Amino acid sequence: MEKPLEKIISENIRREIETSGKTKSEIARAIGVSNPTVSQYCSGRAQPTLATLSKLCAFLDCSADDILNL
């Protein structure tokens, strides 16, 4: 049984954040969201908009393909 896309995205966001060495606070400030929102992205309780995903990828120096599992 395949994982839901939301779960895959949250796992990939969490991995990219851990790999970056940046804190959730730094990321939240850089992409214009709150710290709890970044935590929600990591847990799968929320998904970033395309605009926010673009900012997140630019800040973490990763591609949207890495996050979206394309």
C-alpha atoms as a PDB file:
ATOM      1  CA  MET A   1       0.000   0.000   0.000  1.00  0.00           C
ATOM      2  CA  GLU A   2       1.407   3.371  -1.033  1.00  0.00           C
ATOM      3  CA  LYS A   3       1.797   6.268   1.370  1.00  0.00           C
ATOM      4  CA  PRO A   4      -0.476   9.257   0.860  1.00  0.00           C
ATOM      5  CA  LEU A   5       1.171  12.144  -0.986  1.00  0.00           C
ATOM      6  CA  GLU A   6       0.764  14.420   2.050  1.00  0.00           C
ATOM      7  CA  LYS A   7       2.814  11.992   4.164  1.00  0.00           C
ATOM      8  CA  ILE A   8       5.543  11.769   1.520  1.00  0.00           C
ATOM      9  CA  ILE A   9       5.739  15.565   1.232  1.00  0.00           C
ATOM     10  CA  SER A  10       5.963  16.053   5.001  1.00  0.00           C
ATOM     11  CA  GLU A  11       8.704  13.398   5.290  1.00  0.00           C
ATOM     12  CA  ASN A  12      10.654  15.046   2.475  1.00  0.00           C
ATOM     13  CA  ILE A  13      10.302  18.508   4.010  1.00  0.00           C
ATOM     14  CA  ARG A  14      11.496  17.145   7.367  1.00  0.00           C
ATOM     15  CA  ARG A  15      14.475  15.439   5.696  1.00  0.00           C
ATOM     16  CA  GLU A  16      15.498  18.571   3.792  1.00  0.00           C
ATOM     17  CA  ILE A  17      15.263  20.676   6.960  1.00  0.00           C
ATOM     18  CA  GLU A  18      17.392  18.196   8.914  1.00  0.00           C
ATOM     19  CA  THR A  19      19.956  18.045   6.109  1.00  0.00           C
ATOM     20  CA  SER A  20      20.143  21.837   5.850  1.00  0.00           C
ATOM     21  CA  GLY A  21      21.215  22.334   9.458  1.00  0.00           C
ATOM     22  CA  LYS A  22      18.901  25.346   9.676  1.00  0.00           C
ATOM     23  CA  THR A  23      16.449  25.813  12.514  1.00  0.00           C
ATOM     24  CA  LYS A  24      12.707  25.919  12.043  1.00  0.00           C
ATOM     25  CA  SER A  25      12.805  29.506  13.334  1.00  0.00           C
ATOM     26  CA  GLU A  26      15.290  30.530  10.637  1.00  0.00           C
ATOM     27  CA  ILE A  27      13.201  28.820   7.994  1.00  0.00           C
ATOM     28  CA  ALA A  28       9.937  30.352   9.210  1.00  0.00           C
ATOM     29  CA  ARG A  29      11.450  33.849   9.160  1.00  0.00           C
ATOM     30  CA  ALA A  30      12.942  33.347   5.701  1.00  0.00           C
ATOM     31  CA  ILE A  31       9.766  32.064   4.064  1.00  0.00           C
ATOM     32  CA  GLY A  32       7.312  34.301   5.907  1.00  0.00           C
ATOM     33  CA  VAL A  33       5.392  31.823   8.041  1.00  0.00           C
ATOM     34  CA  SER A  34       5.226  31.102  11.780  1.00  0.00           C
ATOM     35  CA  ASN A  35       7.306  28.486  13.606  1.00  0.00           C
ATOM     36  CA  PRO A  36       4.200  26.344  14.265  1.00  0.00           C
ATOM     37  CA  THR A  37       3.423  26.383  10.536  1.00  0.00           C
ATOM     38  CA  VAL A  38       6.842  24.933   9.713  1.00  0.00           C
ATOM     39  CA  SER A  39       6.217  22.247  12.342  1.00  0.00           C
ATOM     40  CA  GLN A  40       2.859  21.516  10.722  1.00  0.00           C
ATOM     41  CA  TYR A  41       4.570  21.085   7.344  1.00  0.00           C
ATOM     42  CA  CYS A  42       6.935  18.559   8.949  1.00  0.00           C
ATOM     43  CA  SER A  43       4.162  16.612  10.648  1.00  0.00           C
ATOM     44  CA  GLY A  44       1.822  16.591   7.665  1.00  0.00           C
ATOM     45  CA  ARG A  45      -0.926  18.579   9.403  1.00  0.00           C
ATOM     46  CA  ALA A  46      -0.510  21.342   6.790  1.00  0.00           C
ATOM     47  CA  GLN A  47       0.912  21.624   3.282  1.00  0.00           C
ATOM     48  CA  PRO A  48       2.743  24.677   1.951  1.00  0.00           C
ATOM     49  CA  THR A  49       1.210  26.677  -0.874  1.00  0.00           C
ATOM     50  CA  LEU A  50       3.122  26.613  -4.142  1.00  0.00           C
ATOM     51  CA  ALA A  51       4.518  30.082  -3.417  1.00  0.00           C
ATOM     52  CA  THR A  52       5.670  29.007   0.041  1.00  0.00           C
ATOM     53  CA  LEU A  53       7.084  25.753  -1.315  1.00  0.00           C
ATOM     54  CA  SER A  54       9.102  27.771  -3.821  1.00  0.00           C
ATOM     55  CA  LYS A  55      10.524  29.965  -1.017  1.00  0.00           C
ATOM     56  CA  LEU A  56      11.220  26.901   1.116  1.00  0.00           C
ATOM     57  CA  CYS A  57      13.109  25.155  -1.684  1.00  0.00           C
ATOM     58  CA  ALA A  58      15.133  28.277  -2.451  1.00  0.00           C
ATOM     59  CA  PHE A  59      16.058  28.731   1.214  1.00  0.00           C
ATOM     60  CA  LEU A  60      16.931  25.057   1.726  1.00  0.00           C
ATOM     61  CA  ASP A  61      18.725  24.866  -1.634  1.00  0.00           C
ATOM     62  CA  CYS A  62      16.703  21.893  -2.837  1.00  0.00           C
ATOM     63  CA  SER A  63      14.333  21.343  -5.721  1.00  0.00           C
ATOM     64  CA  ALA A  64      10.563  21.033  -5.590  1.00  0.00           C
ATOM     65  CA  ASP A  65      11.082  17.624  -7.201  1.00  0.00           C
ATOM     66  CA  ASP A  66      12.898  16.530  -4.032  1.00  0.00           C
ATOM     67  CA  ILE A  67       9.977  17.614  -1.863  1.00  0.00           C
ATOM     68  CA  LEU A  68       7.161  16.442  -4.144  1.00  0.00           C
ATOM     69  CA  ASN A  69       8.886  13.131  -4.898  1.00  0.00           C
ATOM     70  CA  LEU A  70       8.712  13.648  -8.660  1.00  0.00           C
END
